[in-house]
Amino acid sequence: MTIKECKFYNMQVNLIKNGKIYAERAAIRNVWQKDNNTFLDIYIYRLNKAYVFDSGFIHDITDNSREKYYKDVGKFVCDFYATCKISSLEQSPNSDNVIFSSIKEDLVILRFLSEVLKNKKDIKDKIIREYVRDTVKSAQKLSDRYLDEYINSIIPDSKEFYAAVSSLKSKTPKQAEDLLRNSIKLCLSDGYLEYHERMYLADLIEALRSYGLLLPADII
């Protein structure tokens, strides 16, 4: 869905950060829900970049084109869905998207590792996108925007990371190797391995080996 298609391209979004409110002129490209939370894909004109925000970080929204003010983000979401035409392919992403079901645990692992240091986000998003396209043939024609929205809707904690690791027993050695190589690539995207990254990678490697998945000697 492009900015013009969604029509919400002339917005003022007041964001909450460290207890202060920051006003940004923006376009709101998409919204979706996961685990009873609402997320918004917001393109900030000042930064020339899109970000995904939890609605809890949004104080209020003003639609300058319609001269409409939203103190309640939920009311904006209702208007968004009523106004925007979402295609059958690129609809709001959600954690149950069947296209990605075969690598759901992989994405939990990759997303968790990508957030350990919270840096080099563009590079890390690209690595995960490439992994998705290389692994799921039906995802090859999906846009970067759609893939990023789906990928960034996955916000795992350490408990979910270890649960995903424990579910990798059914992988083939090649699948395990591809996942591990991309996990290492993510963690090395800033040029070095931080302590916590080493710890989580070591746990992943140990788990894969305990499942009988022999890994190449040059992988670490």
N, C-alpha and C. Protein backbone atom coordinates (compact mmCIF):
# COMPACT_ATOMS: atom_id res chain seq x y z
N MET A 1 0.84 -1.19 0.00
CA MET A 1 0.00 0.00 0.00
C MET A 1 0.88 1.24 0.00
N THR A 2 0.74 2.09 -1.00
CA THR A 2 1.53 3.31 -1.06
C THR A 2 0.91 4.39 -0.21
N ILE A 3 1.67 5.47 0.00
CA ILE A 3 1.17 6.58 0.80
C ILE A 3 -0.10 7.16 0.17
N LYS A 4 -0.11 7.30 -1.16
CA LYS A 4 -1.29 7.86 -1.82
C LYS A 4 -2.50 6.95 -1.68
N GLU A 5 -2.27 5.64 -1.79
CA GLU A 5 -3.38 4.71 -1.68
C GLU A 5 -4.02 4.74 -0.30
N CYS A 6 -3.20 4.89 0.74
CA CYS A 6 -3.78 4.87 2.08
C CYS A 6 -4.38 6.21 2.45
N LYS A 7 -4.00 7.29 1.71
CA LYS A 7 -4.60 8.61 1.84
C LYS A 7 -4.20 9.37 3.10
N PHE A 8 -3.60 8.70 4.07
CA PHE A 8 -3.21 9.39 5.30
C PHE A 8 -1.75 9.84 5.20
N TYR A 9 -1.52 10.85 4.35
CA TYR A 9 -0.17 11.29 4.05
C TYR A 9 0.14 12.68 4.58
N ASN A 10 -0.85 13.35 5.14
CA ASN A 10 -0.66 14.71 5.64
C ASN A 10 -1.05 14.76 7.12
N MET A 11 -0.26 14.07 7.92
CA MET A 11 -0.60 13.88 9.32
C MET A 11 0.41 14.55 10.24
N GLN A 12 -0.07 14.98 11.40
CA GLN A 12 0.84 15.35 12.48
C GLN A 12 0.68 14.31 13.58
N VAL A 13 1.78 13.64 13.88
CA VAL A 13 1.77 12.60 14.91
C VAL A 13 2.62 13.09 16.08
N ASN A 14 2.03 13.14 17.26
CA ASN A 14 2.75 13.53 18.46
C ASN A 14 3.22 12.28 19.19
N LEU A 15 4.53 12.07 19.18
CA LEU A 15 5.12 10.87 19.75
C LEU A 15 5.65 11.12 21.16
N ILE A 16 5.54 10.11 22.00
CA ILE A 16 6.02 10.21 23.38
C ILE A 16 7.38 9.53 23.48
N LYS A 17 8.38 10.26 23.97
CA LYS A 17 9.70 9.70 24.17
C LYS A 17 10.31 10.30 25.43
N ASN A 18 10.68 9.43 26.37
CA ASN A 18 11.26 9.86 27.64
C ASN A 18 10.40 10.89 28.35
N GLY A 19 9.10 10.68 28.28
CA GLY A 19 8.17 11.55 28.98
C GLY A 19 7.88 12.87 28.29
N LYS A 20 8.48 13.10 27.12
CA LYS A 20 8.26 14.34 26.37
C LYS A 20 7.50 14.03 25.08
N ILE A 21 6.85 15.04 24.53
CA ILE A 21 6.07 14.89 23.30
C ILE A 21 6.81 15.56 22.15
N TYR A 22 6.97 14.81 21.05
CA TYR A 22 7.65 15.32 19.87
C TYR A 22 6.68 15.28 18.69
N ALA A 23 6.50 16.41 18.04
CA ALA A 23 5.58 16.50 16.90
C ALA A 23 6.33 16.18 15.61
N GLU A 24 5.75 15.31 14.80
CA GLU A 24 6.34 14.95 13.53
C GLU A 24 5.30 15.03 12.42
N ARG A 25 5.66 15.62 11.29
CA ARG A 25 4.82 15.55 10.10
C ARG A 25 5.07 14.21 9.44
N ALA A 26 4.01 13.48 9.12
CA ALA A 26 4.20 12.08 8.73
C ALA A 26 3.10 11.59 7.81
N ALA A 27 3.35 10.42 7.25
CA ALA A 27 2.33 9.63 6.54
C ALA A 27 2.16 8.33 7.32
N ILE A 28 0.93 7.92 7.50
CA ILE A 28 0.68 6.64 8.17
C ILE A 28 0.33 5.63 7.10
N ARG A 29 1.22 4.65 6.90
CA ARG A 29 1.11 3.75 5.76
C ARG A 29 0.32 2.48 6.05
N ASN A 30 0.35 2.05 7.30
CA ASN A 30 -0.36 0.81 7.62
C ASN A 30 -0.53 0.70 9.13
N VAL A 31 -1.52 -0.09 9.52
CA VAL A 31 -1.75 -0.40 10.94
C VAL A 31 -2.12 -1.87 11.05
N TRP A 32 -1.77 -2.49 12.18
CA TRP A 32 -2.18 -3.87 12.43
C TRP A 32 -2.12 -4.14 13.92
N GLN A 33 -2.64 -5.30 14.30
CA GLN A 33 -2.67 -5.67 15.70
C GLN A 33 -1.97 -7.00 15.92
N LYS A 34 -1.32 -7.12 17.08
CA LYS A 34 -0.68 -8.37 17.49
C LYS A 34 -0.69 -8.42 19.01
N ASP A 35 -1.16 -9.55 19.56
CA ASP A 35 -1.18 -9.75 21.01
C ASP A 35 -1.86 -8.59 21.72
N ASN A 36 -2.99 -8.15 21.18
CA ASN A 36 -3.79 -7.07 21.76
C ASN A 36 -3.10 -5.72 21.74
N ASN A 37 -2.00 -5.59 21.01
CA ASN A 37 -1.34 -4.30 20.83
C ASN A 37 -1.56 -3.82 19.40
N THR A 38 -1.59 -2.51 19.22
CA THR A 38 -1.76 -1.91 17.90
C THR A 38 -0.44 -1.30 17.46
N PHE A 39 -0.04 -1.59 16.23
CA PHE A 39 1.21 -1.06 15.69
C PHE A 39 0.90 -0.21 14.45
N LEU A 40 1.66 0.87 14.27
CA LEU A 40 1.48 1.76 13.14
C LEU A 40 2.79 1.91 12.38
N ASP A 41 2.72 1.77 11.07
CA ASP A 41 3.87 1.99 10.20
C ASP A 41 3.82 3.46 9.78
N ILE A 42 4.75 4.26 10.29
CA ILE A 42 4.70 5.70 10.10
C ILE A 42 5.94 6.18 9.35
N TYR A 43 5.71 6.88 8.25
CA TYR A 43 6.80 7.49 7.48
C TYR A 43 6.98 8.91 7.97
N ILE A 44 8.15 9.22 8.52
CA ILE A 44 8.43 10.56 9.06
C ILE A 44 9.18 11.36 8.00
N TYR A 45 8.56 12.45 7.55
CA TYR A 45 9.14 13.23 6.46
C TYR A 45 10.49 13.85 6.84
N ARG A 46 10.62 14.33 8.06
CA ARG A 46 11.86 14.98 8.49
C ARG A 46 13.05 14.04 8.38
N LEU A 47 12.83 12.76 8.66
CA LEU A 47 13.91 11.77 8.65
C LEU A 47 13.98 10.99 7.34
N ASN A 48 12.95 11.19 6.49
CA ASN A 48 12.89 10.46 5.22
C ASN A 48 12.98 8.96 5.43
N LYS A 49 12.22 8.47 6.43
CA LYS A 49 12.33 7.07 6.81
C LYS A 49 11.06 6.62 7.51
N ALA A 50 10.74 5.33 7.37
CA ALA A 50 9.56 4.76 8.03
C ALA A 50 9.97 4.00 9.28
N TYR A 51 9.11 4.06 10.30
CA TYR A 51 9.32 3.34 11.54
C TYR A 51 8.02 2.68 11.96
N VAL A 52 8.13 1.59 12.72
CA VAL A 52 6.96 0.94 13.30
C VAL A 52 6.88 1.33 14.77
N PHE A 53 5.71 1.88 15.18
CA PHE A 53 5.51 2.33 16.56
C PHE A 53 4.38 1.54 17.20
N ASP A 54 4.57 1.17 18.43
CA ASP A 54 3.47 0.69 19.27
C ASP A 54 2.58 1.89 19.57
N SER A 55 1.27 1.71 19.54
CA SER A 55 0.36 2.83 19.76
C SER A 55 0.54 3.48 21.12
N GLY A 56 1.16 2.76 22.07
CA GLY A 56 1.40 3.33 23.38
C GLY A 56 2.37 4.50 23.36
N PHE A 57 3.14 4.63 22.28
CA PHE A 57 4.09 5.72 22.16
C PHE A 57 3.52 6.89 21.36
N ILE A 58 2.24 6.82 21.04
CA ILE A 58 1.60 7.89 20.28
C ILE A 58 0.64 8.64 21.19
N HIS A 59 0.87 9.94 21.35
CA HIS A 59 0.03 10.76 22.24
C HIS A 59 -1.28 11.13 21.55
N ASP A 60 -1.18 11.61 20.31
CA ASP A 60 -2.38 11.95 19.54
C ASP A 60 -1.99 12.12 18.08
N ILE A 61 -3.00 12.17 17.23
CA ILE A 61 -2.80 12.28 15.78
C ILE A 61 -3.75 13.33 15.23
N THR A 62 -3.26 14.15 14.31
CA THR A 62 -4.12 15.10 13.60
C THR A 62 -4.03 14.84 12.11
N ASP A 63 -5.16 14.63 11.47
CA ASP A 63 -5.22 14.49 10.01
C ASP A 63 -5.43 15.88 9.44
N ASN A 64 -4.36 16.49 8.94
CA ASN A 64 -4.43 17.88 8.46
C ASN A 64 -5.31 18.02 7.22
N SER A 65 -5.37 16.98 6.39
CA SER A 65 -6.18 17.05 5.17
C SER A 65 -7.66 17.10 5.48
N ARG A 66 -8.07 16.36 6.51
CA ARG A 66 -9.49 16.29 6.88
C ARG A 66 -9.84 17.15 8.09
N GLU A 67 -8.80 17.80 8.63
CA GLU A 67 -8.98 18.63 9.83
C GLU A 67 -9.67 17.82 10.94
N LYS A 68 -9.13 16.63 11.16
CA LYS A 68 -9.71 15.74 12.16
C LYS A 68 -8.65 15.37 13.19
N TYR A 69 -9.02 15.48 14.47
CA TYR A 69 -8.10 15.23 15.58
C TYR A 69 -8.45 13.91 16.25
N TYR A 70 -7.42 13.10 16.53
CA TYR A 70 -7.62 11.81 17.18
C TYR A 70 -6.82 11.77 18.49
N LYS A 71 -7.51 11.89 19.59
CA LYS A 71 -6.87 11.65 20.89
C LYS A 71 -6.80 10.15 21.15
N ASP A 72 -7.81 9.43 20.65
CA ASP A 72 -7.89 7.97 20.80
C ASP A 72 -7.35 7.32 19.52
N VAL A 73 -6.19 6.65 19.62
CA VAL A 73 -5.60 6.01 18.45
C VAL A 73 -6.53 4.95 17.88
N GLY A 74 -7.31 4.31 18.74
CA GLY A 74 -8.25 3.29 18.29
C GLY A 74 -9.25 3.84 17.28
N LYS A 75 -9.70 5.08 17.48
CA LYS A 75 -10.64 5.69 16.54
C LYS A 75 -9.97 5.97 15.20
N PHE A 76 -8.68 6.34 15.25
CA PHE A 76 -7.96 6.52 14.00
C PHE A 76 -7.86 5.21 13.24
N VAL A 77 -7.57 4.12 13.96
CA VAL A 77 -7.44 2.81 13.33
C VAL A 77 -8.74 2.44 12.60
N CYS A 78 -9.86 2.72 13.24
CA CYS A 78 -11.15 2.43 12.61
C CYS A 78 -11.31 3.23 11.32
N ASP A 79 -10.94 4.51 11.34
CA ASP A 79 -11.04 5.34 10.14
C ASP A 79 -10.06 4.88 9.07
N PHE A 80 -8.89 4.42 9.49
CA PHE A 80 -7.89 3.95 8.55
C PHE A 80 -8.43 2.77 7.75
N TYR A 81 -8.99 1.78 8.46
CA TYR A 81 -9.50 0.60 7.78
C TYR A 81 -10.73 0.92 6.94
N ALA A 82 -11.50 1.91 7.37
CA ALA A 82 -12.69 2.28 6.62
C ALA A 82 -12.33 3.01 5.33
N THR A 83 -11.17 3.68 5.33
CA THR A 83 -10.78 4.52 4.19
C THR A 83 -9.86 3.81 3.22
N CYS A 84 -8.92 3.04 3.76
CA CYS A 84 -7.89 2.43 2.91
C CYS A 84 -8.41 1.16 2.25
N LYS A 85 -8.02 0.94 1.02
CA LYS A 85 -8.33 -0.29 0.31
C LYS A 85 -7.10 -1.18 0.37
N ILE A 86 -7.23 -2.29 1.10
CA ILE A 86 -6.11 -3.19 1.29
C ILE A 86 -6.27 -4.38 0.34
N SER A 87 -5.24 -4.62 -0.46
CA SER A 87 -5.32 -5.72 -1.43
C SER A 87 -5.25 -7.06 -0.72
N SER A 88 -5.65 -8.10 -1.43
CA SER A 88 -5.67 -9.43 -0.82
C SER A 88 -4.26 -9.95 -0.53
N LEU A 89 -3.25 -9.49 -1.30
CA LEU A 89 -1.89 -9.95 -1.07
C LEU A 89 -1.19 -9.13 0.00
N GLU A 90 -1.20 -7.80 -0.17
CA GLU A 90 -0.47 -6.94 0.76
C GLU A 90 -1.44 -6.32 1.75
N GLN A 91 -2.07 -7.16 2.53
CA GLN A 91 -2.94 -6.70 3.58
C GLN A 91 -2.14 -6.54 4.86
N SER A 92 -2.78 -6.10 5.94
CA SER A 92 -2.05 -5.90 7.19
C SER A 92 -1.41 -7.20 7.61
N PRO A 93 -0.09 -7.19 7.86
CA PRO A 93 0.58 -8.43 8.26
C PRO A 93 0.19 -8.85 9.66
N ASN A 94 0.25 -10.14 9.92
CA ASN A 94 -0.02 -10.61 11.27
C ASN A 94 0.76 -11.87 11.52
N SER A 95 0.87 -12.28 12.76
CA SER A 95 1.74 -13.38 13.14
C SER A 95 1.27 -14.73 12.62
N ASP A 96 0.06 -14.80 12.06
CA ASP A 96 -0.46 -16.06 11.58
C ASP A 96 -0.41 -16.16 10.05
N ASN A 97 0.32 -15.25 9.39
CA ASN A 97 0.38 -15.23 7.93
C ASN A 97 0.91 -16.57 7.42
N VAL A 98 0.10 -17.25 6.61
CA VAL A 98 0.43 -18.61 6.17
C VAL A 98 1.67 -18.64 5.30
N ILE A 99 1.98 -17.55 4.61
CA ILE A 99 3.15 -17.51 3.74
C ILE A 99 4.43 -17.81 4.53
N PHE A 100 4.48 -17.35 5.77
CA PHE A 100 5.69 -17.46 6.56
C PHE A 100 5.63 -18.56 7.62
N SER A 101 4.61 -19.40 7.57
CA SER A 101 4.41 -20.38 8.64
C SER A 101 5.58 -21.36 8.74
N SER A 102 6.23 -21.68 7.61
CA SER A 102 7.31 -22.66 7.64
C SER A 102 8.58 -22.14 8.31
N ILE A 103 8.70 -20.81 8.42
CA ILE A 103 9.90 -20.24 9.05
C ILE A 103 9.53 -19.32 10.21
N LYS A 104 8.39 -19.57 10.81
CA LYS A 104 7.93 -18.71 11.91
C LYS A 104 8.95 -18.69 13.05
N GLU A 105 9.48 -19.87 13.44
CA GLU A 105 10.46 -19.92 14.52
C GLU A 105 11.77 -19.28 14.10
N ASP A 106 12.15 -19.44 12.84
CA ASP A 106 13.38 -18.82 12.34
C ASP A 106 13.30 -17.31 12.50
N LEU A 107 12.15 -16.74 12.15
CA LEU A 107 12.00 -15.29 12.23
C LEU A 107 12.00 -14.79 13.66
N VAL A 108 11.46 -15.57 14.56
CA VAL A 108 11.53 -15.20 15.98
C VAL A 108 12.99 -15.13 16.41
N ILE A 109 13.78 -16.13 16.02
CA ILE A 109 15.20 -16.16 16.38
C ILE A 109 15.96 -15.00 15.75
N LEU A 110 15.76 -14.77 14.46
CA LEU A 110 16.47 -13.70 13.77
C LEU A 110 16.07 -12.33 14.29
N ARG A 111 14.80 -12.13 14.53
CA ARG A 111 14.34 -10.83 15.05
C ARG A 111 14.88 -10.59 16.46
N PHE A 112 14.90 -11.61 17.28
CA PHE A 112 15.43 -11.45 18.63
C PHE A 112 16.91 -11.06 18.57
N LEU A 113 17.69 -11.77 17.76
CA LEU A 113 19.11 -11.46 17.64
C LEU A 113 19.34 -10.08 17.04
N SER A 114 18.47 -9.65 16.16
CA SER A 114 18.64 -8.33 15.52
C SER A 114 18.40 -7.19 16.49
N GLU A 115 17.72 -7.47 17.60
CA GLU A 115 17.38 -6.42 18.56
C GLU A 115 18.28 -6.42 19.79
N VAL A 116 19.25 -7.33 19.86
CA VAL A 116 20.10 -7.39 21.06
C VAL A 116 20.81 -6.06 21.30
N LEU A 117 21.37 -5.47 20.24
CA LEU A 117 22.08 -4.20 20.37
C LEU A 117 21.27 -3.00 19.87
N LYS A 118 20.21 -3.25 19.12
CA LYS A 118 19.35 -2.19 18.58
C LYS A 118 20.16 -1.18 17.75
N ASN A 119 21.02 -1.69 16.85
CA ASN A 119 21.77 -0.81 15.97
C ASN A 119 21.83 -1.42 14.57
N LYS A 120 22.29 -0.64 13.62
CA LYS A 120 22.41 -1.10 12.23
C LYS A 120 21.10 -1.70 11.73
N LYS A 121 19.98 -1.07 12.06
CA LYS A 121 18.68 -1.67 11.78
C LYS A 121 18.43 -1.90 10.29
N ASP A 122 18.82 -0.95 9.43
CA ASP A 122 18.58 -1.11 7.99
C ASP A 122 19.29 -2.35 7.45
N ILE A 123 20.54 -2.54 7.87
CA ILE A 123 21.31 -3.69 7.40
C ILE A 123 20.68 -4.98 7.91
N LYS A 124 20.27 -4.99 9.18
CA LYS A 124 19.68 -6.20 9.76
C LYS A 124 18.35 -6.54 9.11
N ASP A 125 17.53 -5.52 8.83
CA ASP A 125 16.27 -5.76 8.13
C ASP A 125 16.52 -6.38 6.76
N LYS A 126 17.56 -5.89 6.07
CA LYS A 126 17.89 -6.42 4.75
C LYS A 126 18.31 -7.88 4.84
N ILE A 127 19.12 -8.22 5.84
CA ILE A 127 19.56 -9.61 6.01
C ILE A 127 18.37 -10.53 6.22
N ILE A 128 17.42 -10.09 7.04
CA ILE A 128 16.24 -10.94 7.30
C ILE A 128 15.37 -11.03 6.06
N ARG A 129 15.19 -9.93 5.35
CA ARG A 129 14.41 -9.97 4.10
C ARG A 129 15.01 -10.97 3.12
N GLU A 130 16.33 -10.92 2.96
CA GLU A 130 16.99 -11.83 2.02
C GLU A 130 16.84 -13.28 2.46
N TYR A 131 16.89 -13.50 3.77
CA TYR A 131 16.70 -14.87 4.27
C TYR A 131 15.29 -15.36 3.96
N VAL A 132 14.30 -14.50 4.14
CA VAL A 132 12.92 -14.88 3.86
C VAL A 132 12.76 -15.22 2.38
N ARG A 133 13.29 -14.37 1.51
CA ARG A 133 13.14 -14.60 0.07
C ARG A 133 13.91 -15.84 -0.39
N ASP A 134 15.06 -16.09 0.21
CA ASP A 134 15.84 -17.27 -0.16
C ASP A 134 15.18 -18.57 0.33
N THR A 135 14.41 -18.47 1.41
CA THR A 135 13.85 -19.67 2.05
C THR A 135 12.43 -19.95 1.62
N VAL A 136 11.65 -18.90 1.34
CA VAL A 136 10.24 -19.06 0.99
C VAL A 136 10.02 -18.52 -0.43
N LYS A 137 9.83 -19.41 -1.37
CA LYS A 137 9.69 -19.01 -2.77
C LYS A 137 8.54 -18.04 -2.99
N SER A 138 7.41 -18.26 -2.31
CA SER A 138 6.25 -17.41 -2.51
C SER A 138 6.45 -15.99 -1.98
N ALA A 139 7.54 -15.78 -1.24
CA ALA A 139 7.80 -14.43 -0.70
C ALA A 139 8.68 -13.60 -1.63
N GLN A 140 9.17 -14.21 -2.72
CA GLN A 140 10.13 -13.52 -3.57
C GLN A 140 9.54 -12.30 -4.28
N LYS A 141 8.24 -12.31 -4.49
CA LYS A 141 7.61 -11.20 -5.20
C LYS A 141 7.02 -10.15 -4.25
N LEU A 142 7.13 -10.38 -2.97
CA LEU A 142 6.60 -9.41 -2.01
C LEU A 142 7.54 -8.21 -1.89
N SER A 143 6.96 -7.06 -1.70
CA SER A 143 7.75 -5.83 -1.62
C SER A 143 8.56 -5.76 -0.32
N ASP A 144 9.61 -4.95 -0.35
CA ASP A 144 10.40 -4.71 0.87
C ASP A 144 9.50 -4.16 1.97
N ARG A 145 8.60 -3.26 1.61
CA ARG A 145 7.72 -2.63 2.60
C ARG A 145 6.88 -3.68 3.31
N TYR A 146 6.29 -4.57 2.52
CA TYR A 146 5.44 -5.59 3.12
C TYR A 146 6.25 -6.51 4.03
N LEU A 147 7.41 -6.95 3.54
CA LEU A 147 8.24 -7.84 4.35
C LEU A 147 8.70 -7.15 5.63
N ASP A 148 9.09 -5.88 5.52
CA ASP A 148 9.53 -5.16 6.71
C ASP A 148 8.40 -5.03 7.73
N GLU A 149 7.19 -4.77 7.25
CA GLU A 149 6.06 -4.64 8.16
C GLU A 149 5.80 -5.95 8.89
N TYR A 150 5.87 -7.05 8.15
CA TYR A 150 5.65 -8.34 8.79
C TYR A 150 6.79 -8.66 9.76
N ILE A 151 8.02 -8.50 9.31
CA ILE A 151 9.18 -8.82 10.14
C ILE A 151 9.16 -7.99 11.42
N ASN A 152 8.88 -6.70 11.30
CA ASN A 152 8.91 -5.82 12.46
C ASN A 152 7.69 -5.98 13.36
N SER A 153 6.70 -6.72 12.90
CA SER A 153 5.56 -7.03 13.78
C SER A 153 5.91 -8.14 14.76
N ILE A 154 7.04 -8.81 14.52
CA ILE A 154 7.52 -9.87 15.41
C ILE A 154 8.44 -9.24 16.45
N ILE A 155 8.03 -9.23 17.70
CA ILE A 155 8.80 -8.58 18.76
C ILE A 155 8.99 -9.58 19.90
N PRO A 156 9.90 -10.53 19.72
CA PRO A 156 10.05 -11.61 20.71
C PRO A 156 10.91 -11.20 21.91
N ASP A 157 10.67 -11.86 23.04
CA ASP A 157 11.55 -11.71 24.19
C ASP A 157 12.43 -12.96 24.29
N SER A 158 13.28 -13.02 25.32
CA SER A 158 14.22 -14.15 25.43
C SER A 158 13.48 -15.48 25.61
N LYS A 159 12.35 -15.45 26.29
CA LYS A 159 11.57 -16.68 26.48
C LYS A 159 11.08 -17.22 25.15
N GLU A 160 10.60 -16.33 24.28
CA GLU A 160 10.13 -16.74 22.95
C GLU A 160 11.31 -17.20 22.09
N PHE A 161 12.47 -16.56 22.26
CA PHE A 161 13.67 -16.97 21.53
C PHE A 161 14.02 -18.42 21.85
N TYR A 162 14.09 -18.75 23.14
CA TYR A 162 14.47 -20.11 23.52
C TYR A 162 13.38 -21.12 23.16
N ALA A 163 12.12 -20.70 23.18
CA ALA A 163 11.04 -21.59 22.76
C ALA A 163 11.18 -21.90 21.26
N ALA A 164 11.55 -20.88 20.47
CA ALA A 164 11.75 -21.09 19.03
C ALA A 164 12.94 -22.00 18.79
N VAL A 165 14.02 -21.81 19.54
CA VAL A 165 15.21 -22.66 19.39
C VAL A 165 14.86 -24.13 19.69
N SER A 166 14.03 -24.34 20.69
CA SER A 166 13.68 -25.71 21.07
C SER A 166 12.80 -26.40 20.04
N SER A 167 12.26 -25.63 19.09
CA SER A 167 11.36 -26.21 18.08
C SER A 167 12.06 -26.50 16.75
N LEU A 168 13.39 -26.41 16.73
CA LEU A 168 14.13 -26.56 15.48
C LEU A 168 14.56 -28.01 15.20
N LYS A 169 14.09 -28.94 15.99
CA LYS A 169 14.53 -30.34 15.87
C LYS A 169 14.25 -30.94 14.49
N SER A 170 13.20 -30.45 13.83
CA SER A 170 12.80 -31.06 12.56
C SER A 170 13.56 -30.50 11.36
N LYS A 171 14.47 -29.58 11.57
CA LYS A 171 15.20 -29.00 10.45
C LYS A 171 16.22 -29.98 9.88
N THR A 172 16.48 -29.84 8.59
CA THR A 172 17.57 -30.60 7.97
C THR A 172 18.89 -29.90 8.30
N PRO A 173 20.02 -30.58 8.17
CA PRO A 173 21.31 -29.92 8.41
C PRO A 173 21.49 -28.67 7.55
N LYS A 174 21.03 -28.70 6.29
CA LYS A 174 21.16 -27.53 5.40
C LYS A 174 20.32 -26.38 5.93
N GLN A 175 19.10 -26.65 6.36
CA GLN A 175 18.25 -25.60 6.89
C GLN A 175 18.85 -25.00 8.17
N ALA A 176 19.39 -25.87 9.02
CA ALA A 176 20.01 -25.40 10.26
C ALA A 176 21.23 -24.53 9.95
N GLU A 177 22.02 -24.96 8.97
CA GLU A 177 23.20 -24.18 8.58
C GLU A 177 22.81 -22.82 8.05
N ASP A 178 21.80 -22.75 7.18
CA ASP A 178 21.36 -21.47 6.62
C ASP A 178 20.88 -20.53 7.72
N LEU A 179 20.10 -21.07 8.66
CA LEU A 179 19.60 -20.24 9.76
C LEU A 179 20.76 -19.72 10.61
N LEU A 180 21.70 -20.60 10.93
CA LEU A 180 22.82 -20.20 11.78
C LEU A 180 23.72 -19.19 11.08
N ARG A 181 24.01 -19.42 9.80
CA ARG A 181 24.87 -18.47 9.07
C ARG A 181 24.23 -17.09 9.04
N ASN A 182 22.92 -17.02 8.84
CA ASN A 182 22.26 -15.72 8.83
C ASN A 182 22.18 -15.10 10.22
N SER A 183 22.08 -15.93 11.24
CA SER A 183 22.10 -15.43 12.62
C SER A 183 23.45 -14.79 12.92
N ILE A 184 24.51 -15.46 12.51
CA ILE A 184 25.86 -14.91 12.71
C ILE A 184 26.05 -13.63 11.90
N LYS A 185 25.55 -13.64 10.66
CA LYS A 185 25.66 -12.45 9.81
C LYS A 185 24.97 -11.25 10.46
N LEU A 186 23.81 -11.49 11.05
CA LEU A 186 23.09 -10.42 11.75
C LEU A 186 23.93 -9.82 12.87
N CYS A 187 24.48 -10.71 13.69
CA CYS A 187 25.21 -10.25 14.86
C CYS A 187 26.53 -9.57 14.48
N LEU A 188 27.09 -9.93 13.32
CA LEU A 188 28.35 -9.34 12.86
C LEU A 188 28.14 -8.10 11.98
N SER A 189 26.90 -7.70 11.77
CA SER A 189 26.62 -6.60 10.84
C SER A 189 27.22 -5.28 11.29
N ASP A 190 27.53 -5.15 12.58
CA ASP A 190 28.19 -3.93 13.05
C ASP A 190 29.69 -4.12 13.24
N GLY A 191 30.22 -5.28 12.81
CA GLY A 191 31.65 -5.48 12.81
C GLY A 191 32.23 -6.28 13.96
N TYR A 192 31.42 -6.58 14.96
CA TYR A 192 31.94 -7.36 16.08
C TYR A 192 30.79 -8.07 16.79
N LEU A 193 31.16 -9.06 17.62
CA LEU A 193 30.17 -9.79 18.40
C LEU A 193 30.17 -9.29 19.84
N GLU A 194 29.07 -8.73 20.26
CA GLU A 194 28.93 -8.27 21.64
C GLU A 194 28.67 -9.48 22.55
N TYR A 195 28.96 -9.34 23.83
CA TYR A 195 28.89 -10.47 24.77
C TYR A 195 27.54 -11.19 24.70
N HIS A 196 26.44 -10.46 24.77
CA HIS A 196 25.13 -11.10 24.78
C HIS A 196 24.83 -11.79 23.45
N GLU A 197 25.33 -11.22 22.36
CA GLU A 197 25.16 -11.88 21.07
C GLU A 197 25.90 -13.21 21.06
N ARG A 198 27.11 -13.22 21.57
CA ARG A 198 27.88 -14.47 21.66
C ARG A 198 27.13 -15.51 22.49
N MET A 199 26.54 -15.07 23.59
CA MET A 199 25.84 -15.98 24.48
C MET A 199 24.65 -16.62 23.78
N TYR A 200 23.83 -15.81 23.10
CA TYR A 200 22.64 -16.36 22.44
C TYR A 200 23.03 -17.24 21.25
N LEU A 201 24.08 -16.84 20.51
CA LEU A 201 24.53 -17.67 19.39
C LEU A 201 25.06 -19.01 19.91
N ALA A 202 25.80 -18.98 21.01
CA ALA A 202 26.33 -20.23 21.58
C ALA A 202 25.20 -21.16 21.98
N ASP A 203 24.13 -20.59 22.55
CA ASP A 203 22.98 -21.41 22.94
C ASP A 203 22.30 -22.00 21.71
N LEU A 204 22.22 -21.22 20.64
CA LEU A 204 21.61 -21.70 19.40
C LEU A 204 22.45 -22.84 18.81
N ILE A 205 23.76 -22.66 18.75
CA ILE A 205 24.65 -23.69 18.20
C ILE A 205 24.58 -24.97 19.04
N GLU A 206 24.62 -24.82 20.35
CA GLU A 206 24.56 -25.99 21.24
C GLU A 206 23.26 -26.76 21.04
N ALA A 207 22.15 -26.02 20.90
CA ALA A 207 20.85 -26.68 20.70
C ALA A 207 20.82 -27.44 19.38
N LEU A 208 21.29 -26.81 18.30
CA LEU A 208 21.27 -27.48 17.00
C LEU A 208 22.12 -28.74 17.01
N ARG A 209 23.28 -28.67 17.66
CA ARG A 209 24.14 -29.85 17.73
C ARG A 209 23.51 -30.95 18.60
N SER A 210 22.81 -30.54 19.65
CA SER A 210 22.16 -31.53 20.51
C SER A 210 21.03 -32.24 19.79
N TYR A 211 20.49 -31.58 18.73
CA TYR A 211 19.43 -32.21 17.93
C TYR A 211 20.02 -33.12 16.86
N GLY A 212 21.35 -33.26 16.84
CA GLY A 212 21.99 -34.12 15.85
C GLY A 212 22.22 -33.44 14.52
N LEU A 213 22.12 -32.10 14.50
CA LEU A 213 22.33 -31.36 13.26
C LEU A 213 23.79 -30.95 13.19
N LEU A 214 24.59 -31.73 12.45
CA LEU A 214 26.01 -31.48 12.35
C LEU A 214 26.25 -30.24 11.52
N LEU A 215 27.02 -29.32 12.05
CA LEU A 215 27.27 -28.05 11.40
C LEU A 215 28.69 -27.99 10.85
N PRO A 216 28.93 -27.31 9.72
CA PRO A 216 30.28 -27.21 9.16
C PRO A 216 31.26 -26.61 10.15
N ALA A 217 32.50 -27.07 10.09
CA ALA A 217 33.51 -26.59 11.04
C ALA A 217 33.82 -25.12 10.87
N ASP A 218 33.61 -24.57 9.64
CA ASP A 218 33.95 -23.17 9.39
C ASP A 218 32.83 -22.20 9.73
N ILE A 219 31.77 -22.69 10.36
CA ILE A 219 30.61 -21.84 10.57
C ILE A 219 30.84 -20.85 11.71
N ILE A 220 31.76 -21.14 12.61
CA ILE A 220 32.06 -20.21 13.70
C ILE A 220 33.55 -19.91 13.75
